[in-house]
Amino acid sequence: MEDILRSGYCINEECKELIYCLEGSGTLNKKDKIIEFSRGDVILINKGEMYYWNAECTICMSCTPAWYEEQHKIIIEE
């Protein structure tokens, strides 16, 4: 699974994800931009956005509607 996550994007097909960084830092890489974040920052990932993380951090994530595994997909790009 780790190799898949390093080679592709993930996408949530049903919900928005609101992330609060509790500690640490990193980048959230979206298709069209890179967002640098650190402790205290808040990030919104909209439904259907493709992204991947490059971070060493602790986050709190809230999703609406409720998150479930079947709506979360890994997209491998060649």
N, C-alpha and C. Protein backbone atom coordinates (compact mmCIF):
# COMPACT_ATOMS: atom_id res chain seq x y z
N MET A 1 0.82 -1.20 0.00
CA MET A 1 0.00 0.00 0.00
C MET A 1 0.86 1.26 0.00
N GLU A 2 1.96 1.28 0.76
CA GLU A 2 2.81 2.46 0.83
C GLU A 2 3.34 2.85 -0.54
N ASP A 3 3.76 1.87 -1.38
CA ASP A 3 4.26 2.17 -2.72
C ASP A 3 3.17 2.79 -3.59
N ILE A 4 1.93 2.33 -3.46
CA ILE A 4 0.82 2.90 -4.22
C ILE A 4 0.63 4.36 -3.85
N LEU A 5 0.66 4.65 -2.55
CA LEU A 5 0.44 6.02 -2.11
C LEU A 5 1.55 6.94 -2.57
N ARG A 6 2.76 6.44 -2.73
CA ARG A 6 3.87 7.27 -3.19
C ARG A 6 3.82 7.52 -4.69
N SER A 7 3.02 6.74 -5.42
CA SER A 7 3.03 6.87 -6.87
C SER A 7 1.74 7.42 -7.45
N GLY A 8 0.81 7.82 -6.61
CA GLY A 8 -0.45 8.31 -7.14
C GLY A 8 -1.13 9.31 -6.23
N TYR A 9 -2.25 9.78 -6.69
CA TYR A 9 -3.07 10.71 -5.93
C TYR A 9 -4.20 9.95 -5.24
N CYS A 10 -4.78 10.56 -4.23
CA CYS A 10 -6.01 10.01 -3.67
C CYS A 10 -7.13 11.03 -3.93
N ILE A 11 -8.34 10.53 -3.87
CA ILE A 11 -9.50 11.36 -4.13
C ILE A 11 -10.65 10.86 -3.27
N ASN A 12 -11.39 11.77 -2.70
CA ASN A 12 -12.59 11.41 -1.97
C ASN A 12 -13.77 11.80 -2.84
N GLU A 13 -14.54 10.81 -3.23
CA GLU A 13 -15.62 11.05 -4.19
C GLU A 13 -16.89 11.61 -3.57
N GLU A 14 -17.02 11.59 -2.26
CA GLU A 14 -18.28 11.98 -1.63
C GLU A 14 -18.22 13.12 -0.63
N CYS A 15 -17.08 13.36 0.00
CA CYS A 15 -17.10 14.36 1.08
C CYS A 15 -15.96 15.37 1.00
N LYS A 16 -16.17 16.48 1.67
CA LYS A 16 -15.14 17.48 1.88
C LYS A 16 -14.35 17.07 3.11
N GLU A 17 -13.06 17.41 3.13
CA GLU A 17 -12.20 17.10 4.26
C GLU A 17 -11.60 18.41 4.78
N LEU A 18 -11.78 18.67 6.05
CA LEU A 18 -11.20 19.85 6.69
C LEU A 18 -10.10 19.37 7.61
N ILE A 19 -8.87 19.82 7.36
CA ILE A 19 -7.70 19.36 8.10
C ILE A 19 -7.14 20.50 8.95
N TYR A 20 -6.87 20.19 10.21
CA TYR A 20 -6.19 21.12 11.11
C TYR A 20 -4.87 20.46 11.52
N CYS A 21 -3.77 21.16 11.32
CA CYS A 21 -2.45 20.64 11.67
C CYS A 21 -2.16 20.91 13.14
N LEU A 22 -2.06 19.85 13.92
CA LEU A 22 -1.79 19.96 15.36
C LEU A 22 -0.31 20.17 15.64
N GLU A 23 0.54 19.49 14.89
CA GLU A 23 1.99 19.66 15.05
C GLU A 23 2.68 19.16 13.80
N GLY A 24 3.91 19.62 13.59
CA GLY A 24 4.68 19.23 12.42
C GLY A 24 4.40 20.13 11.23
N SER A 25 4.78 19.64 10.05
CA SER A 25 4.60 20.42 8.83
C SER A 25 4.67 19.50 7.62
N GLY A 26 4.40 20.09 6.45
CA GLY A 26 4.48 19.33 5.22
C GLY A 26 3.88 20.08 4.06
N THR A 27 3.60 19.33 3.01
CA THR A 27 2.94 19.89 1.84
C THR A 27 1.77 19.00 1.45
N LEU A 28 0.74 19.63 0.96
CA LEU A 28 -0.39 18.95 0.35
C LEU A 28 -0.30 19.28 -1.13
N ASN A 29 -0.12 18.27 -1.94
CA ASN A 29 0.08 18.46 -3.37
C ASN A 29 -1.22 18.18 -4.09
N LYS A 30 -1.83 19.23 -4.62
CA LYS A 30 -3.03 19.09 -5.43
C LYS A 30 -2.59 19.11 -6.89
N LYS A 31 -3.48 18.75 -7.79
CA LYS A 31 -3.14 18.73 -9.22
C LYS A 31 -2.64 20.08 -9.71
N ASP A 32 -3.20 21.16 -9.20
CA ASP A 32 -2.87 22.49 -9.73
C ASP A 32 -2.03 23.36 -8.80
N LYS A 33 -1.74 22.88 -7.57
CA LYS A 33 -0.92 23.70 -6.67
C LYS A 33 -0.39 22.88 -5.51
N ILE A 34 0.64 23.43 -4.87
CA ILE A 34 1.24 22.83 -3.69
C ILE A 34 0.98 23.76 -2.51
N ILE A 35 0.44 23.21 -1.43
CA ILE A 35 0.13 23.99 -0.25
C ILE A 35 1.08 23.58 0.87
N GLU A 36 1.91 24.50 1.31
CA GLU A 36 2.78 24.25 2.46
C GLU A 36 1.98 24.56 3.71
N PHE A 37 2.13 23.72 4.74
CA PHE A 37 1.41 23.95 5.98
C PHE A 37 2.28 23.57 7.18
N SER A 38 1.89 24.09 8.33
CA SER A 38 2.56 23.77 9.58
C SER A 38 1.55 23.94 10.72
N ARG A 39 2.01 23.74 11.92
CA ARG A 39 1.16 23.80 13.11
C ARG A 39 0.23 25.02 13.09
N GLY A 40 -1.06 24.75 13.31
CA GLY A 40 -2.05 25.82 13.37
C GLY A 40 -2.76 26.11 12.05
N ASP A 41 -2.26 25.56 10.96
CA ASP A 41 -2.88 25.81 9.66
C ASP A 41 -4.10 24.92 9.44
N VAL A 42 -5.04 25.43 8.63
CA VAL A 42 -6.26 24.71 8.27
C VAL A 42 -6.30 24.58 6.75
N ILE A 43 -6.65 23.39 6.27
CA ILE A 43 -6.70 23.13 4.83
C ILE A 43 -8.06 22.50 4.51
N LEU A 44 -8.67 22.96 3.43
CA LEU A 44 -9.92 22.37 2.95
C LEU A 44 -9.64 21.61 1.66
N ILE A 45 -10.06 20.34 1.63
CA ILE A 45 -9.98 19.54 0.41
C ILE A 45 -11.42 19.29 -0.02
N ASN A 46 -11.78 19.81 -1.17
CA ASN A 46 -13.15 19.66 -1.66
C ASN A 46 -13.39 18.27 -2.23
N LYS A 47 -14.62 17.88 -2.24
CA LYS A 47 -15.06 16.63 -2.85
C LYS A 47 -14.52 16.55 -4.28
N GLY A 48 -13.92 15.43 -4.62
CA GLY A 48 -13.43 15.22 -5.97
C GLY A 48 -12.05 15.75 -6.27
N GLU A 49 -11.40 16.46 -5.34
CA GLU A 49 -10.05 16.97 -5.60
C GLU A 49 -9.03 15.85 -5.46
N MET A 50 -8.08 15.81 -6.39
CA MET A 50 -7.00 14.83 -6.32
C MET A 50 -5.83 15.46 -5.57
N TYR A 51 -5.23 14.66 -4.65
CA TYR A 51 -4.14 15.19 -3.84
C TYR A 51 -3.28 14.06 -3.29
N TYR A 52 -2.08 14.45 -2.81
CA TYR A 52 -1.27 13.54 -2.01
C TYR A 52 -0.48 14.37 -1.00
N TRP A 53 -0.09 13.72 0.09
CA TRP A 53 0.62 14.36 1.19
C TRP A 53 2.11 14.06 1.12
N ASN A 54 2.91 15.00 1.56
CA ASN A 54 4.32 14.80 1.83
C ASN A 54 4.56 15.51 3.15
N ALA A 55 4.44 14.78 4.26
CA ALA A 55 4.42 15.46 5.55
C ALA A 55 4.85 14.55 6.70
N GLU A 56 5.34 15.19 7.73
CA GLU A 56 5.54 14.56 9.03
C GLU A 56 4.78 15.43 10.01
N CYS A 57 3.56 15.03 10.32
CA CYS A 57 2.69 15.87 11.12
C CYS A 57 1.61 15.06 11.80
N THR A 58 0.95 15.70 12.74
CA THR A 58 -0.24 15.16 13.37
C THR A 58 -1.38 16.08 12.99
N ILE A 59 -2.45 15.50 12.45
CA ILE A 59 -3.58 16.31 12.01
C ILE A 59 -4.87 15.84 12.66
N CYS A 60 -5.85 16.71 12.63
CA CYS A 60 -7.22 16.38 12.98
C CYS A 60 -8.03 16.63 11.71
N MET A 61 -8.80 15.61 11.29
CA MET A 61 -9.54 15.74 10.05
C MET A 61 -11.03 15.54 10.30
N SER A 62 -11.82 16.45 9.80
CA SER A 62 -13.27 16.35 9.88
C SER A 62 -13.82 16.26 8.46
N CYS A 63 -14.77 15.37 8.26
CA CYS A 63 -15.33 15.16 6.92
C CYS A 63 -16.85 15.33 6.94
N THR A 64 -17.37 15.87 5.83
CA THR A 64 -18.81 15.95 5.69
C THR A 64 -19.19 15.63 4.25
N PRO A 65 -20.11 14.71 3.98
CA PRO A 65 -20.73 13.82 4.95
C PRO A 65 -19.69 12.86 5.53
N ALA A 66 -20.10 11.96 6.39
CA ALA A 66 -19.17 11.06 7.07
C ALA A 66 -18.31 10.28 6.07
N TRP A 67 -17.04 10.10 6.43
CA TRP A 67 -16.09 9.38 5.60
C TRP A 67 -16.31 7.88 5.73
N TYR A 68 -16.16 7.17 4.62
CA TYR A 68 -16.11 5.71 4.65
C TYR A 68 -15.16 5.26 3.55
N GLU A 69 -14.52 4.14 3.76
CA GLU A 69 -13.43 3.69 2.90
C GLU A 69 -13.80 3.55 1.43
N GLU A 70 -15.00 3.11 1.12
CA GLU A 70 -15.40 2.88 -0.27
C GLU A 70 -15.44 4.14 -1.12
N GLN A 71 -15.54 5.31 -0.51
CA GLN A 71 -15.57 6.55 -1.29
C GLN A 71 -14.18 7.14 -1.52
N HIS A 72 -13.17 6.54 -0.91
CA HIS A 72 -11.80 7.00 -1.01
C HIS A 72 -11.07 6.16 -2.04
N LYS A 73 -10.50 6.79 -3.07
CA LYS A 73 -9.86 6.07 -4.17
C LYS A 73 -8.42 6.52 -4.33
N ILE A 74 -7.58 5.61 -4.83
CA ILE A 74 -6.20 5.92 -5.19
C ILE A 74 -6.14 5.97 -6.72
N ILE A 75 -5.59 7.06 -7.26
CA ILE A 75 -5.50 7.26 -8.71
C ILE A 75 -4.01 7.17 -9.09
N ILE A 76 -3.67 6.18 -9.88
CA ILE A 76 -2.30 6.01 -10.34
C ILE A 76 -2.17 6.66 -11.72
N GLU A 77 -1.23 7.61 -11.82
CA GLU A 77 -1.00 8.26 -13.11
C GLU A 77 0.32 7.78 -13.68
N GLU A 78 0.33 7.46 -14.93
CA GLU A 78 1.54 6.96 -15.60
C GLU A 78 2.31 8.11 -16.18
